[in-house]
Amino acid sequence: MRQSGPAGHSGRPTCFGEAGRFDLQALRGVVSARRDASGAASYTARLLGDRTLVRAKIREEAQEVTTAAGRAGLVWELADLLYHATALMEAEGIALEEVEAELRGRRR
């Protein structure tokens, strides 16, 4: 499928900034920047303002990960799960570095 026109409220081809390298730190920056946006205009701001909603979305997305059909579907659902987990981290004030440190500590 080819995109025609803007992807969202920004009027740009993507809601996630300029094209190029994009990683979890960049995603965190996008999520953080939306904190002060209107909940009516920004789904991310709505998530950040409602921890019950963001946790429910994580449960939903985790279920969708387990039932995704095909590689493309799985990648899509994993992206949704990472996005919602990032929103919860932002809402709870948990830095990506804290999670990375936890993962590092689990290495054997």
Protein backbone atom coordinates (compact mmCIF):
# COMPACT_ATOMS: atom_id res chain seq x y z
CA MET A 1 0.00 0.00 0.00
CA ARG A 2 1.26 3.50 -0.82
CA GLN A 3 0.54 6.44 1.43
CA SER A 4 -1.14 9.47 -0.08
CA GLY A 5 -1.28 12.54 2.09
CA PRO A 6 -0.45 13.16 5.74
CA ALA A 7 -0.54 10.39 8.34
CA GLY A 8 -2.03 12.36 11.21
CA HIS A 9 -2.58 15.65 12.93
CA SER A 10 0.87 16.99 12.06
CA GLY A 11 0.17 17.30 8.34
CA ARG A 12 3.42 15.38 7.68
CA PRO A 13 3.89 11.92 6.19
CA THR A 14 4.56 10.52 9.68
CA CYS A 15 3.61 11.40 13.25
CA PHE A 16 7.03 10.28 14.46
CA GLY A 17 9.26 13.08 13.22
CA GLU A 18 11.63 13.15 10.31
CA ALA A 19 12.52 10.05 8.32
CA GLY A 20 15.77 8.31 9.12
CA ARG A 21 16.93 6.40 12.16
CA PHE A 22 14.15 5.73 14.61
CA ASP A 23 14.60 3.80 17.84
CA LEU A 24 12.97 3.42 21.24
CA GLN A 25 14.68 6.58 22.52
CA ALA A 26 13.19 8.55 19.61
CA LEU A 27 9.78 7.02 20.31
CA ARG A 28 10.10 8.06 23.94
CA GLY A 29 10.86 11.61 22.81
CA VAL A 30 7.74 11.71 20.63
CA VAL A 31 5.57 10.33 23.45
CA SER A 32 7.06 12.79 25.95
CA ALA A 33 6.50 15.73 23.61
CA ARG A 34 2.80 14.91 23.39
CA ARG A 35 2.29 15.07 27.18
CA ASP A 36 0.94 18.63 27.08
CA ALA A 37 -1.20 18.20 23.96
CA SER A 38 -4.97 18.22 24.15
CA GLY A 39 -6.43 14.79 24.88
CA ALA A 40 -9.04 15.51 22.24
CA ALA A 41 -6.35 16.05 19.61
CA SER A 42 -3.73 13.54 20.78
CA TYR A 43 -4.30 9.88 21.50
CA THR A 44 -0.91 9.81 23.22
CA ALA A 45 -1.89 12.67 25.56
CA ARG A 46 -5.09 10.79 26.39
CA LEU A 47 -3.06 7.69 27.27
CA LEU A 48 -0.64 9.69 29.41
CA GLY A 49 -3.54 11.16 31.35
CA ASP A 50 -5.28 7.85 32.00
CA ARG A 51 -3.11 5.06 33.42
CA THR A 52 -6.10 2.70 33.48
CA LEU A 53 -6.57 3.22 29.74
CA VAL A 54 -2.90 2.74 28.88
CA ARG A 55 -2.71 -0.46 30.95
CA ALA A 56 -5.86 -1.77 29.26
CA LYS A 57 -4.34 -1.02 25.86
CA ILE A 58 -1.17 -2.90 26.82
CA ARG A 59 -3.26 -5.94 27.76
CA GLU A 60 -5.13 -5.67 24.46
CA GLU A 61 -1.97 -5.29 22.40
CA ALA A 62 -0.23 -8.17 24.21
CA GLN A 63 -3.18 -10.41 23.33
CA GLU A 64 -3.00 -9.25 19.72
CA VAL A 65 0.72 -10.09 19.65
CA THR A 66 -0.07 -13.66 20.68
CA THR A 67 -2.67 -14.08 17.94
CA ALA A 68 -1.06 -12.11 15.10
CA ALA A 69 -1.12 -13.83 11.75
CA GLY A 70 2.07 -13.77 9.70
CA ARG A 71 5.29 -11.88 10.13
CA ALA A 72 3.91 -8.50 9.00
CA GLY A 73 0.97 -8.80 11.40
CA LEU A 74 3.29 -9.71 14.25
CA VAL A 75 5.62 -6.79 13.52
CA TRP A 76 2.59 -4.45 13.44
CA GLU A 77 1.30 -5.70 16.79
CA LEU A 78 4.75 -5.63 18.41
CA ALA A 79 5.09 -2.00 17.34
CA ASP A 80 1.72 -1.24 18.96
CA LEU A 81 2.81 -3.02 22.14
CA LEU A 82 6.11 -1.11 22.30
CA TYR A 83 4.31 2.19 21.70
CA HIS A 84 1.81 1.57 24.51
CA ALA A 85 4.55 0.31 26.86
CA THR A 86 6.49 3.49 26.11
CA ALA A 87 3.42 5.56 26.94
CA LEU A 88 3.09 3.76 30.29
CA MET A 89 6.78 4.33 31.02
CA GLU A 90 6.29 8.05 30.34
CA ALA A 91 3.13 8.21 32.46
CA GLU A 92 4.92 6.49 35.36
CA GLY A 93 8.15 8.47 34.98
CA ILE A 94 10.23 5.40 34.19
CA ALA A 95 13.24 6.13 32.01
CA LEU A 96 14.15 3.81 29.16
CA GLU A 97 17.58 3.56 30.77
CA GLU A 98 15.98 2.02 33.88
CA VAL A 99 14.46 -0.75 31.78
CA GLU A 100 17.72 -1.23 29.88
CA ALA A 101 19.59 -1.52 33.21
CA GLU A 102 17.10 -4.13 34.38
CA LEU A 103 17.62 -6.13 31.20
CA ARG A 104 21.40 -5.80 31.50
CA GLY A 105 21.20 -7.09 35.05
CA ARG A 106 19.33 -10.18 33.87
CA ARG A 107 22.03 -11.19 31.37
CA ARG A 108 23.85 -14.36 32.26
